[in-house]
Amino acid sequence: MCTAAIEALAKIGDVRAVEPLITSLKDSDEDVRRSAAEALSELRWRPADAEQRVMLGVAERNWDRLVEEGAAAVEPLIAVLRDNDEGERRSAVEALAKIGDVRAVEPLIVALTDSDCRVRQYAARALGEIGDARAVEPIIGVLTDRAGDICGTVCWDAARALGQIGDARAVEPLIAALMNSDEHMQKIVANALGEIGDARAVKPLTTAINCNIDKGFRYVATKALAQITDCLLL
């Protein structure tokens, strides 16, 4: 159904238009889906079930609605990750992070290589929040990603994510980042090493504390050492 036909149905205001408009929510054309959603709104239609609510949420790009639907919205949100609009992809990644469903892990790993640095940043953040170990190696791969620093750097969120997941495979790459990073990154890395709690980080953190005059870093690194000591004593 074309957008002109949808607009005509909305103007008529007949309830018989509801079913074809619901069908149009699945159309491959985004303009058709959006027009159908607007027409259904004018007809004061209310979705009867989760599937219809998700279809309407995708058509309207209502990310809050999709997050509320939870698991039912995961696959449609994954489909949005293939959208040509980077803003849409960013929003879909953020929504998937809030839902936290493991079905999103592999698509989010793919999003770590997105052309848009914000999408890569949000994907790393989302994977950290989901906490699935499958993401460890891919996140390590973007630990040095500084393409497009205007985004606040992907590597910061990658380091945070590795700390959240807590997998020992991240220890050596994080140690390397500790020695070769900016001050802010060093704090994030030190905190991540503390969260993982691996003994291999003790010497590098101790050395970094002795060599770094920044009080903020020294505080974070000292706290990380205490966390590691606590883990070793368990």
Protein backbone atom coordinates (compact mmCIF):
# COMPACT_ATOMS: atom_id res chain seq x y z
CA MET A 1 0.00 0.00 0.00
CA CYS A 2 1.34 3.44 -0.92
CA THR A 3 1.40 6.41 1.43
CA ALA A 4 -1.31 8.20 -0.57
CA ALA A 5 -3.70 5.28 -0.10
CA ILE A 6 -2.91 5.20 3.62
CA GLU A 7 -3.63 8.93 3.96
CA ALA A 8 -6.94 8.43 2.14
CA LEU A 9 -7.94 5.63 4.52
CA ALA A 10 -7.11 7.81 7.51
CA LYS A 11 -9.26 10.66 6.19
CA ILE A 12 -12.24 8.35 5.64
CA GLY A 13 -11.97 7.23 9.25
CA ASP A 14 -13.67 3.87 8.73
CA VAL A 15 -12.75 1.09 11.16
CA ARG A 16 -12.50 -1.24 8.16
CA ALA A 17 -9.24 0.54 7.37
CA VAL A 18 -7.61 -0.79 10.53
CA GLU A 19 -6.67 -4.26 9.26
CA PRO A 20 -4.92 -3.12 6.05
CA LEU A 21 -3.16 -0.42 8.03
CA ILE A 22 -1.91 -2.99 10.56
CA THR A 23 -0.61 -5.03 7.63
CA SER A 24 1.18 -1.92 6.35
CA LEU A 25 3.12 -1.71 9.63
CA LYS A 26 5.13 -4.66 8.25
CA ASP A 27 5.84 -3.00 4.89
CA SER A 28 9.48 -2.92 3.74
CA ASP A 29 9.19 0.82 3.05
CA GLU A 30 9.85 2.93 6.15
CA ASP A 31 7.67 5.80 4.89
CA VAL A 32 4.75 3.41 4.44
CA ARG A 33 5.21 2.03 7.96
CA ARG A 34 5.38 5.50 9.47
CA SER A 35 2.32 6.69 7.54
CA ALA A 36 0.39 3.60 8.64
CA ALA A 37 1.31 4.28 12.28
CA GLU A 38 0.13 7.89 11.96
CA ALA A 39 -3.12 6.79 10.33
CA LEU A 40 -3.78 4.24 13.06
CA SER A 41 -3.17 6.92 15.64
CA GLU A 42 -5.73 9.17 13.96
CA LEU A 43 -8.19 6.27 14.07
CA ARG A 44 -7.43 5.92 17.80
CA TRP A 45 -6.40 2.31 17.31
CA ARG A 46 -4.84 0.54 20.28
CA PRO A 47 -2.63 -2.55 19.76
CA ALA A 48 -4.27 -5.74 20.98
CA ASP A 49 -1.13 -7.74 21.74
CA ALA A 50 2.65 -7.54 22.12
CA GLU A 51 3.35 -8.24 18.45
CA GLN A 52 1.19 -5.32 17.36
CA ARG A 53 2.69 -3.04 20.01
CA VAL A 54 6.19 -3.91 18.78
CA MET A 55 5.24 -3.31 15.14
CA LEU A 56 3.81 0.07 16.08
CA GLY A 57 6.87 0.92 18.17
CA VAL A 58 9.22 0.11 15.28
CA ALA A 59 7.12 2.09 12.79
CA GLU A 60 7.01 5.11 15.12
CA ARG A 61 10.63 4.64 16.19
CA ASN A 62 9.30 4.77 19.75
CA TRP A 63 12.33 3.35 21.54
CA ASP A 64 10.84 3.65 25.04
CA ARG A 65 7.84 1.60 23.96
CA LEU A 66 10.11 -1.08 22.53
CA VAL A 67 12.19 -1.25 25.71
CA GLU A 68 8.98 -1.70 27.68
CA GLU A 69 8.05 -4.66 25.47
CA GLY A 70 11.33 -6.33 26.37
CA ALA A 71 12.04 -9.72 24.78
CA ALA A 72 9.32 -9.33 22.15
CA ALA A 73 11.15 -6.31 20.69
CA VAL A 74 14.61 -7.87 20.43
CA GLU A 75 14.41 -9.27 16.89
CA PRO A 76 12.79 -6.13 15.42
CA LEU A 77 15.46 -4.00 17.09
CA ILE A 78 18.19 -6.23 15.70
CA ALA A 79 16.69 -5.63 12.25
CA VAL A 80 17.01 -1.85 12.82
CA LEU A 81 20.79 -2.34 13.19
CA ARG A 82 20.83 -2.80 9.41
CA ASP A 83 19.21 0.62 8.88
CA ASN A 84 21.05 3.14 6.71
CA ASP A 85 20.45 5.91 9.24
CA GLU A 86 23.13 5.96 11.92
CA GLY A 87 20.81 7.67 14.38
CA GLU A 88 18.38 4.78 14.09
CA ARG A 89 21.19 2.27 14.64
CA ARG A 90 22.42 4.17 17.70
CA SER A 91 18.95 4.19 19.24
CA ALA A 92 18.42 0.50 18.51
CA VAL A 93 21.72 -0.38 20.21
CA GLU A 94 20.79 1.65 23.28
CA ALA A 95 17.40 -0.05 23.45
CA LEU A 96 18.97 -3.49 23.16
CA ALA A 97 21.35 -2.61 26.00
CA LYS A 98 18.41 -1.71 28.24
CA ILE A 99 16.58 -4.94 27.39
CA GLY A 100 19.73 -7.02 27.99
CA ASP A 101 18.69 -10.09 25.97
CA VAL A 102 21.53 -12.44 24.95
CA ARG A 103 20.07 -12.78 21.45
CA ALA A 104 21.48 -9.33 20.79
CA VAL A 105 25.09 -10.34 21.54
CA GLU A 106 26.14 -11.48 18.06
CA PRO A 107 24.47 -8.54 16.25
CA LEU A 108 26.06 -6.14 18.75
CA ILE A 109 29.45 -7.74 18.11
CA VAL A 110 28.92 -6.96 14.42
CA ALA A 111 28.00 -3.40 15.43
CA LEU A 112 31.48 -3.00 16.94
CA THR A 113 32.69 -2.59 13.34
CA ASP A 114 29.97 -0.09 12.34
CA SER A 115 31.05 2.88 10.26
CA ASP A 116 29.61 5.25 12.88
CA CYS A 117 31.77 5.68 15.98
CA ARG A 118 28.76 6.31 18.21
CA VAL A 119 27.25 2.98 17.17
CA ARG A 120 30.56 1.26 17.97
CA GLN A 121 30.74 3.05 21.32
CA TYR A 122 27.16 2.16 22.26
CA ALA A 123 27.66 -1.43 21.11
CA ALA A 124 30.67 -1.85 23.40
CA ARG A 125 28.66 -0.33 26.25
CA ALA A 126 25.70 -2.61 25.54
CA LEU A 127 27.86 -5.73 25.43
CA GLY A 128 29.36 -4.82 28.78
CA GLU A 129 25.93 -4.43 30.30
CA ILE A 130 24.74 -7.76 28.89
CA GLY A 131 27.94 -9.38 30.18
CA ASP A 132 28.22 -12.30 27.77
CA ALA A 133 31.72 -13.81 27.48
CA ARG A 134 31.34 -14.26 23.70
CA ALA A 135 31.97 -10.54 23.38
CA VAL A 136 35.37 -10.51 25.12
CA GLU A 137 37.65 -11.07 22.12
CA PRO A 138 35.70 -8.71 19.81
CA ILE A 139 35.75 -5.98 22.47
CA ILE A 140 39.50 -6.48 22.94
CA GLY A 141 39.73 -5.86 19.21
CA VAL A 142 38.36 -2.32 19.62
CA LEU A 143 40.26 -1.52 22.79
CA THR A 144 42.56 0.71 20.74
CA ASP A 145 39.78 2.18 18.57
CA ARG A 146 40.27 5.95 18.55
CA ALA A 147 38.73 6.62 15.17
CA GLY A 148 36.48 9.64 15.50
CA ASP A 149 37.52 10.97 18.91
CA ILE A 150 34.56 13.36 18.71
CA CYS A 151 32.49 10.46 20.05
CA GLY A 152 34.34 10.34 23.35
CA THR A 153 36.37 7.38 22.06
CA VAL A 154 35.16 3.84 21.63
CA CYS A 155 38.10 2.50 23.63
CA TRP A 156 36.81 4.00 26.90
CA ASP A 157 33.58 2.02 26.69
CA ALA A 158 35.46 -1.06 25.50
CA ALA A 159 37.65 -0.98 28.62
CA ARG A 160 34.62 -0.48 30.87
CA ALA A 161 32.85 -3.38 29.17
CA LEU A 162 35.78 -5.72 29.71
CA GLY A 163 35.75 -4.88 33.41
CA GLN A 164 32.01 -5.53 33.59
CA ILE A 165 32.31 -8.92 31.89
CA GLY A 166 35.25 -9.83 34.13
CA ASP A 167 36.92 -12.37 31.84
CA ALA A 168 40.63 -13.10 32.45
CA ARG A 169 41.36 -12.98 28.70
CA ALA A 170 41.11 -9.20 28.94
CA VAL A 171 43.88 -8.81 31.54
CA GLU A 172 46.94 -8.63 29.26
CA PRO A 173 45.29 -6.30 26.70
CA LEU A 174 44.14 -4.04 29.53
CA ILE A 175 47.65 -3.99 31.02
CA ALA A 176 48.98 -2.90 27.62
CA ALA A 177 46.34 -0.17 27.50
CA LEU A 178 47.31 0.94 31.01
CA MET A 179 50.85 1.64 29.84
CA ASN A 180 49.98 3.30 26.54
CA SER A 181 46.90 5.44 27.08
CA ASP A 182 45.69 8.90 27.98
CA GLU A 183 45.03 9.73 31.64
CA HIS A 184 41.29 9.18 31.46
CA MET A 185 41.72 5.83 29.74
CA GLN A 186 44.26 4.80 32.37
CA LYS A 187 41.70 5.36 35.12
CA ILE A 188 39.08 3.32 33.30
CA VAL A 189 41.58 0.52 32.65
CA ALA A 190 42.76 0.46 36.26
CA ASN A 191 39.17 0.18 37.43
CA ALA A 192 38.51 -2.63 34.93
CA LEU A 193 41.56 -4.55 36.14
CA GLY A 194 40.30 -4.20 39.69
CA GLU A 195 36.91 -5.59 38.70
CA ILE A 196 38.50 -8.62 37.02
CA GLY A 197 40.73 -9.27 40.04
CA ASP A 198 43.61 -11.08 38.34
CA ALA A 199 47.05 -11.22 40.05
CA ARG A 200 48.85 -10.40 36.80
CA ALA A 201 47.67 -6.81 37.16
CA VAL A 202 49.32 -6.22 40.57
CA LYS A 203 52.82 -5.34 39.35
CA PRO A 204 51.71 -3.12 36.43
CA LEU A 205 49.29 -1.24 38.67
CA THR A 206 51.93 -0.80 41.36
CA THR A 207 54.42 0.51 38.79
CA ALA A 208 51.81 2.86 37.35
CA ILE A 209 51.00 4.25 40.79
CA ASN A 210 54.68 4.94 41.47
CA CYS A 211 55.16 6.64 38.10
CA ASN A 212 51.96 8.66 37.91
CA ILE A 213 51.58 11.91 39.85
CA ASP A 214 47.87 12.29 39.07
CA LYS A 215 45.98 11.92 42.35
CA GLY A 216 42.82 10.74 40.62
CA PHE A 217 44.61 7.91 38.89
CA ARG A 218 46.51 6.92 42.01
CA TYR A 219 43.25 6.70 43.94
CA VAL A 220 41.57 4.51 41.31
CA ALA A 221 44.61 2.27 40.89
CA THR A 222 45.06 1.84 44.65
CA LYS A 223 41.41 0.87 44.95
CA ALA A 224 41.88 -1.61 42.09
CA LEU A 225 44.84 -3.19 43.88
CA ALA A 226 42.71 -3.59 47.00
CA GLN A 227 40.00 -5.30 44.94
CA ILE A 228 42.53 -7.70 43.45
CA THR A 229 43.94 -8.49 46.89
CA ASP A 230 40.46 -9.22 48.17
CA CYS A 231 39.84 -11.58 45.22
CA LEU A 232 43.11 -13.41 45.84
CA LEU A 233 42.26 -13.93 49.49
CA LEU A 234 38.92 -15.57 48.72
